[in-house]
C-alpha cells in the first residue's frame, strides 16, 4: 500500500501513475484528481495486492511541464493486511491465473495461454469478432460449459491491471456458476476481486469502461447494472 499526501500550491489537475517501467501497458494504478483551490491537501492510498519486481510511481501536473503547483507530503509504503478469498480451490487457481495473465497482457503477443496445470485456457485475440468478422465491443467472453475465455487484445491493452482482473473474474464466474446472468457474474466476480484487495473504483470502471466509449449502447439495463455494482461495493465496504 502506497500512501501519500498531496498539497496544492495552485489550482491544478493531478495525475498519478504506477507501472512497471520495463514493459508497455502495465499500469497498476492510474488516476487524476482536480484541486480547485490552493493550500488544500488530499490523502491518496494506492492498494497493490500484486506488484512486479520493479515499480515506478509518477506524480505530475497534467497540464504543465514543470510540477510547481504541488508538494508531496508523508510518502509511506506499508504492508497490506492479509486478504481472505472465500472461494473453492478451483476458483483460487483461476484467480491466480487471471492475475498473472493481466500483469503481462499489455505486452505479450496474441495467442493461447494455458494455466500451469492446463485447467483453464485464455485465447488472446487481436480483437473479438462476430461470425461476419465485425469487431465486437466486449473485452472478453467465456464458454459456460468449457473453461475457455476469449480476450480482446485491442481493448485489454488500454486497461489497468486491476480492471483486467475484474473483467476476468466476471468471466470466470459465468463458467463457475454456469450462468448467463450479467448481474450474477458481476457480483460474484467483484466479490472475488475485492476479496483479493484490489481497489474498489476499478471494479466500477470495469463495468462502465466499454459503455463510456459507446454511449449509444447505454440503456436502462446498463444503468441498472452499474447501480447494482455500486450498491454491492458499498455493502461490501460497510461489512468489511
Protein backbone atom coordinates (compact mmCIF):
# COMPACT_ATOMS: atom_id res chain seq x y z
CA UNK A 1 0.00 0.00 0.00
CA UNK A 2 1.44 3.36 -1.07
CA UNK A 3 0.18 6.32 0.95
CA UNK A 4 0.94 9.94 0.25
CA UNK A 5 -0.46 13.41 0.87
CA UNK A 6 -0.55 15.99 -1.92
CA UNK A 7 -0.72 19.70 -1.15
CA UNK A 8 -1.87 22.04 -3.93
CA UNK A 9 0.09 25.31 -4.09
CA UNK A 10 -2.09 26.42 -7.01
CA UNK A 11 -5.32 25.11 -8.53
CA UNK A 12 -4.31 22.25 -10.85
CA UNK A 13 -5.13 18.75 -12.06
CA UNK A 14 -3.01 15.98 -10.59
CA UNK A 15 -2.02 12.80 -12.41
CA UNK A 16 -0.85 9.63 -10.63
CA UNK A 17 0.51 6.59 -12.45
CA UNK A 18 2.03 3.41 -11.04
CA UNK A 19 3.53 0.97 -13.54
CA UNK A 20 6.27 -1.49 -14.40
CA UNK A 21 8.82 0.63 -16.34
CA UNK A 22 10.27 -2.42 -18.09
CA UNK A 23 7.14 -3.11 -20.15
CA UNK A 24 4.44 -1.21 -22.02
CA UNK A 25 0.80 -1.06 -20.89
CA UNK A 26 1.46 -2.22 -17.31
CA UNK A 27 -0.44 0.30 -15.18
CA UNK A 28 -1.23 -0.95 -11.68
CA UNK A 29 -2.86 2.38 -10.80
CA UNK A 30 -3.93 5.36 -12.88
CA UNK A 31 -5.85 8.30 -11.51
CA UNK A 32 -6.43 12.02 -11.91
CA UNK A 33 -7.70 14.46 -9.30
CA UNK A 34 -8.59 18.14 -9.59
CA UNK A 35 -7.52 20.58 -6.89
CA UNK A 36 -9.73 23.64 -7.29
CA UNK A 37 -8.17 25.70 -4.50
CA UNK A 38 -4.63 26.46 -3.39
CA UNK A 39 -3.37 25.29 0.03
CA UNK A 40 -5.62 22.23 0.06
CA UNK A 41 -4.39 18.75 0.93
CA UNK A 42 -5.63 15.31 -0.06
CA UNK A 43 -4.50 11.87 1.01
CA UNK A 44 -4.20 9.06 -1.53
CA UNK A 45 -3.95 5.33 -0.74
CA UNK A 46 -2.83 3.08 -3.59
CA UNK A 47 -3.63 -0.58 -2.98
CA UNK A 48 -1.24 -3.02 -4.64
CA UNK A 49 -2.23 -6.59 -3.73
CA UNK A 50 0.11 -7.69 -6.52
CA UNK A 51 3.11 -5.86 -7.92
CA UNK A 52 6.11 -6.52 -10.19
CA UNK A 53 9.77 -6.66 -9.17
CA UNK A 54 10.25 -3.10 -10.43
CA UNK A 55 7.60 -0.44 -9.86
CA UNK A 56 7.64 3.22 -10.86
CA UNK A 57 5.39 5.95 -9.44
CA UNK A 58 4.74 9.20 -11.32
CA UNK A 59 3.03 12.20 -9.72
CA UNK A 60 2.62 15.14 -12.07
CA UNK A 61 0.69 18.21 -13.17
CA UNK A 62 -1.41 17.04 -16.11
CA UNK A 63 -1.35 20.46 -17.83
CA UNK A 64 2.13 21.83 -17.15
CA UNK A 65 5.62 20.52 -17.98
CA UNK A 66 7.01 21.64 -14.60
CA UNK A 67 5.49 20.43 -11.33
CA UNK A 68 5.43 23.72 -9.43
CA UNK A 69 1.75 23.52 -8.48
CA UNK A 70 2.05 20.96 -5.67
CA UNK A 71 4.14 19.34 -2.96
CA UNK A 72 4.28 15.72 -1.83
CA UNK A 73 3.99 15.05 1.91
CA UNK A 74 4.05 11.93 4.11
CA UNK A 75 5.09 9.39 1.46
CA UNK A 76 4.84 5.92 3.02
CA UNK A 77 4.87 2.30 1.89
CA UNK A 78 3.01 -0.13 4.14
CA UNK A 79 2.26 -3.84 4.01
CA UNK A 80 -1.35 -4.62 3.17
CA UNK A 81 -3.33 -6.74 5.59
CA UNK A 82 -3.62 -10.38 4.56
CA UNK A 83 -6.75 -10.89 2.47
CA UNK A 84 -9.09 -13.88 2.66
CA UNK A 85 -10.61 -15.05 -0.61
CA UNK A 86 -13.53 -17.32 0.31
CA UNK A 87 -13.78 -19.48 -2.78
CA UNK A 88 -13.21 -23.02 -3.99
CA UNK A 89 -9.70 -24.22 -4.76
CA UNK A 90 -10.65 -24.17 -8.44
CA UNK A 91 -11.67 -20.51 -8.20
CA UNK A 92 -8.44 -19.71 -6.36
CA UNK A 93 -6.45 -21.25 -9.20
CA UNK A 94 -8.47 -19.32 -11.78
CA UNK A 95 -7.89 -16.02 -9.98
CA UNK A 96 -4.14 -16.65 -9.74
CA UNK A 97 -4.04 -17.44 -13.46
CA UNK A 98 -6.18 -14.37 -14.30
CA UNK A 99 -3.94 -12.07 -12.25
CA UNK A 100 -0.77 -13.47 -13.78
CA UNK A 101 -2.16 -13.00 -17.29
CA UNK A 102 -3.45 -9.50 -16.51
CA UNK A 103 0.04 -8.41 -15.47
CA UNK A 104 1.51 -9.32 -18.87
CA UNK A 105 -1.48 -8.78 -21.18
CA UNK A 106 -0.24 -5.32 -22.15
CA UNK A 107 2.91 -6.51 -23.88
CA UNK A 108 2.58 -10.19 -24.86
CA UNK A 109 1.56 -11.23 -28.38
CA UNK A 110 -1.85 -12.63 -29.23
CA UNK A 111 -2.11 -16.39 -28.86
CA UNK A 112 -3.17 -19.16 -26.49
CA UNK A 113 -2.27 -19.04 -22.79
CA UNK A 114 -2.69 -22.17 -20.71
CA UNK A 115 -2.87 -22.27 -16.91
CA UNK A 116 0.00 -24.16 -15.20
CA UNK A 117 -1.99 -27.39 -14.81
CA UNK A 118 -3.84 -26.98 -18.18
CA UNK A 119 -7.08 -26.37 -16.32
CA UNK A 120 -8.01 -23.04 -17.95
CA UNK A 121 -7.32 -21.56 -21.37
CA UNK A 122 -7.19 -17.90 -22.42
CA UNK A 123 -7.40 -17.22 -26.13
CA UNK A 124 -5.83 -13.79 -26.60
CA UNK A 125 -7.17 -12.38 -29.85
CA UNK A 126 -6.12 -9.17 -31.58
CA UNK A 127 -9.86 -8.42 -31.45
CA UNK A 128 -13.08 -10.34 -30.80
CA UNK A 129 -15.30 -10.58 -33.85
CA UNK A 130 -18.74 -11.92 -34.74
CA UNK A 131 -19.49 -14.58 -37.37
CA UNK A 132 -19.19 -11.92 -40.10
CA UNK A 133 -15.80 -10.60 -38.99
CA UNK A 134 -17.14 -7.43 -37.36
CA UNK A 135 -15.30 -6.36 -34.22
CA UNK A 136 -17.34 -6.65 -31.01
CA UNK A 137 -17.06 -4.18 -28.13
CA UNK A 138 -16.87 -6.87 -25.47
CA UNK A 139 -13.39 -7.10 -23.87
CA UNK A 140 -13.83 -10.80 -23.05
CA UNK A 141 -16.31 -13.66 -23.29
CA UNK A 142 -16.41 -17.20 -21.99
CA UNK A 143 -18.00 -20.52 -22.84
CA UNK A 144 -20.28 -21.53 -19.94
CA UNK A 145 -19.61 -25.25 -20.43
CA UNK A 146 -15.88 -25.04 -21.01
CA UNK A 147 -13.15 -23.15 -19.07
CA UNK A 148 -12.01 -21.11 -22.08
CA UNK A 149 -12.05 -17.30 -22.24
CA UNK A 150 -11.59 -15.20 -25.37
CA UNK A 151 -9.93 -11.83 -24.66
CA UNK A 152 -9.60 -8.75 -26.88
CA UNK A 153 -6.01 -7.50 -27.03
CA UNK A 154 -7.07 -4.20 -28.64
CA UNK A 155 -9.21 -3.41 -25.58
CA UNK A 156 -7.15 -5.02 -22.82
CA UNK A 157 -4.02 -3.05 -23.66
CA UNK A 158 -5.80 0.16 -22.71
CA UNK A 159 -6.98 -1.08 -19.30
CA UNK A 160 -5.18 -1.01 -15.97
CA UNK A 161 -4.20 -4.35 -14.49
CA UNK A 162 -6.95 -4.20 -11.81
CA UNK A 163 -9.61 -3.58 -14.49
CA UNK A 164 -8.33 -6.60 -16.43
CA UNK A 165 -8.55 -8.73 -13.27
CA UNK A 166 -12.12 -7.55 -12.59
CA UNK A 167 -13.19 -8.44 -16.13
CA UNK A 168 -11.61 -11.90 -16.00
CA UNK A 169 -13.08 -12.57 -12.54
CA UNK A 170 -16.50 -11.78 -14.06
CA UNK A 171 -15.89 -14.19 -16.95
CA UNK A 172 -14.73 -16.91 -14.58
CA UNK A 173 -17.97 -16.61 -12.62
CA UNK A 174 -20.01 -17.14 -15.80
CA UNK A 175 -18.33 -20.52 -16.06
CA UNK A 176 -18.14 -21.49 -12.36
CA UNK A 177 -21.83 -20.67 -11.81
CA UNK A 178 -22.95 -21.80 -15.28
CA UNK A 179 -24.98 -18.62 -15.68
CA UNK A 180 -25.87 -16.21 -18.46
CA UNK A 181 -26.88 -13.52 -15.96
CA UNK A 182 -24.61 -10.49 -16.15
CA UNK A 183 -25.67 -9.36 -12.68
CA UNK A 184 -24.86 -12.73 -11.12
CA UNK A 185 -21.44 -12.82 -12.81
CA UNK A 186 -20.81 -9.15 -11.93
CA UNK A 187 -21.42 -9.60 -8.21
CA UNK A 188 -19.60 -12.94 -7.98
CA UNK A 189 -16.59 -11.58 -9.88
CA UNK A 190 -16.46 -8.32 -7.94
CA UNK A 191 -16.55 -10.19 -4.63
CA UNK A 192 -13.57 -12.32 -5.67
CA UNK A 193 -11.80 -9.20 -6.94
CA UNK A 194 -12.44 -7.18 -3.75
CA UNK A 195 -11.58 -10.14 -1.50
CA UNK A 196 -8.17 -10.13 -3.14
CA UNK A 197 -7.64 -6.48 -2.07
CA UNK A 198 -7.88 -4.66 -5.39
CA UNK A 199 -9.17 -1.04 -5.37
CA UNK A 200 -12.93 -0.62 -5.48
CA UNK A 201 -13.11 2.14 -8.11
CA UNK A 202 -11.65 -0.14 -10.80
CA UNK A 203 -14.50 -2.58 -10.24
CA UNK A 204 -16.90 0.17 -11.32
CA UNK A 205 -14.66 1.13 -14.24
CA UNK A 206 -14.66 -2.49 -15.42
CA UNK A 207 -18.44 -2.31 -15.85
CA UNK A 208 -18.63 1.22 -17.30
CA UNK A 209 -15.46 1.38 -19.45
CA UNK A 210 -16.98 -0.12 -22.60
CA UNK A 211 -20.18 1.88 -22.33
CA UNK A 212 -18.23 5.09 -21.81
CA UNK A 213 -16.75 4.62 -25.27
CA UNK A 214 -20.11 3.61 -26.77
CA UNK A 215 -22.77 5.84 -25.15
CA UNK A 216 -25.19 4.88 -27.92
CA UNK A 217 -25.41 1.43 -26.33
CA UNK A 218 -26.25 2.68 -22.84
CA UNK A 219 -29.82 1.93 -21.82
CA UNK A 220 -31.80 1.09 -18.71
CA UNK A 221 -30.16 -2.34 -18.37
CA UNK A 222 -26.63 -0.89 -18.37
CA UNK A 223 -27.57 1.86 -15.90
CA UNK A 224 -29.14 -0.69 -13.55
CA UNK A 225 -26.10 -2.95 -13.88
CA UNK A 226 -23.85 -0.10 -12.76
CA UNK A 227 -26.17 0.73 -9.85
CA UNK A 228 -26.14 -2.90 -8.73
CA UNK A 229 -22.33 -2.94 -8.76
CA UNK A 230 -22.05 0.31 -6.78
CA UNK A 231 -24.60 -0.90 -4.22
CA UNK A 232 -22.74 -4.20 -3.81
CA UNK A 233 -19.43 -2.35 -3.28
CA UNK A 234 -20.98 -0.03 -0.69
CA UNK A 235 -22.41 -3.02 1.20
CA UNK A 236 -19.07 -4.82 0.95
CA UNK A 237 -17.25 -1.83 2.44
CA UNK A 238 -19.73 -1.40 5.28
CA UNK A 239 -19.43 -5.10 6.22
CA UNK A 240 -15.66 -5.29 5.85
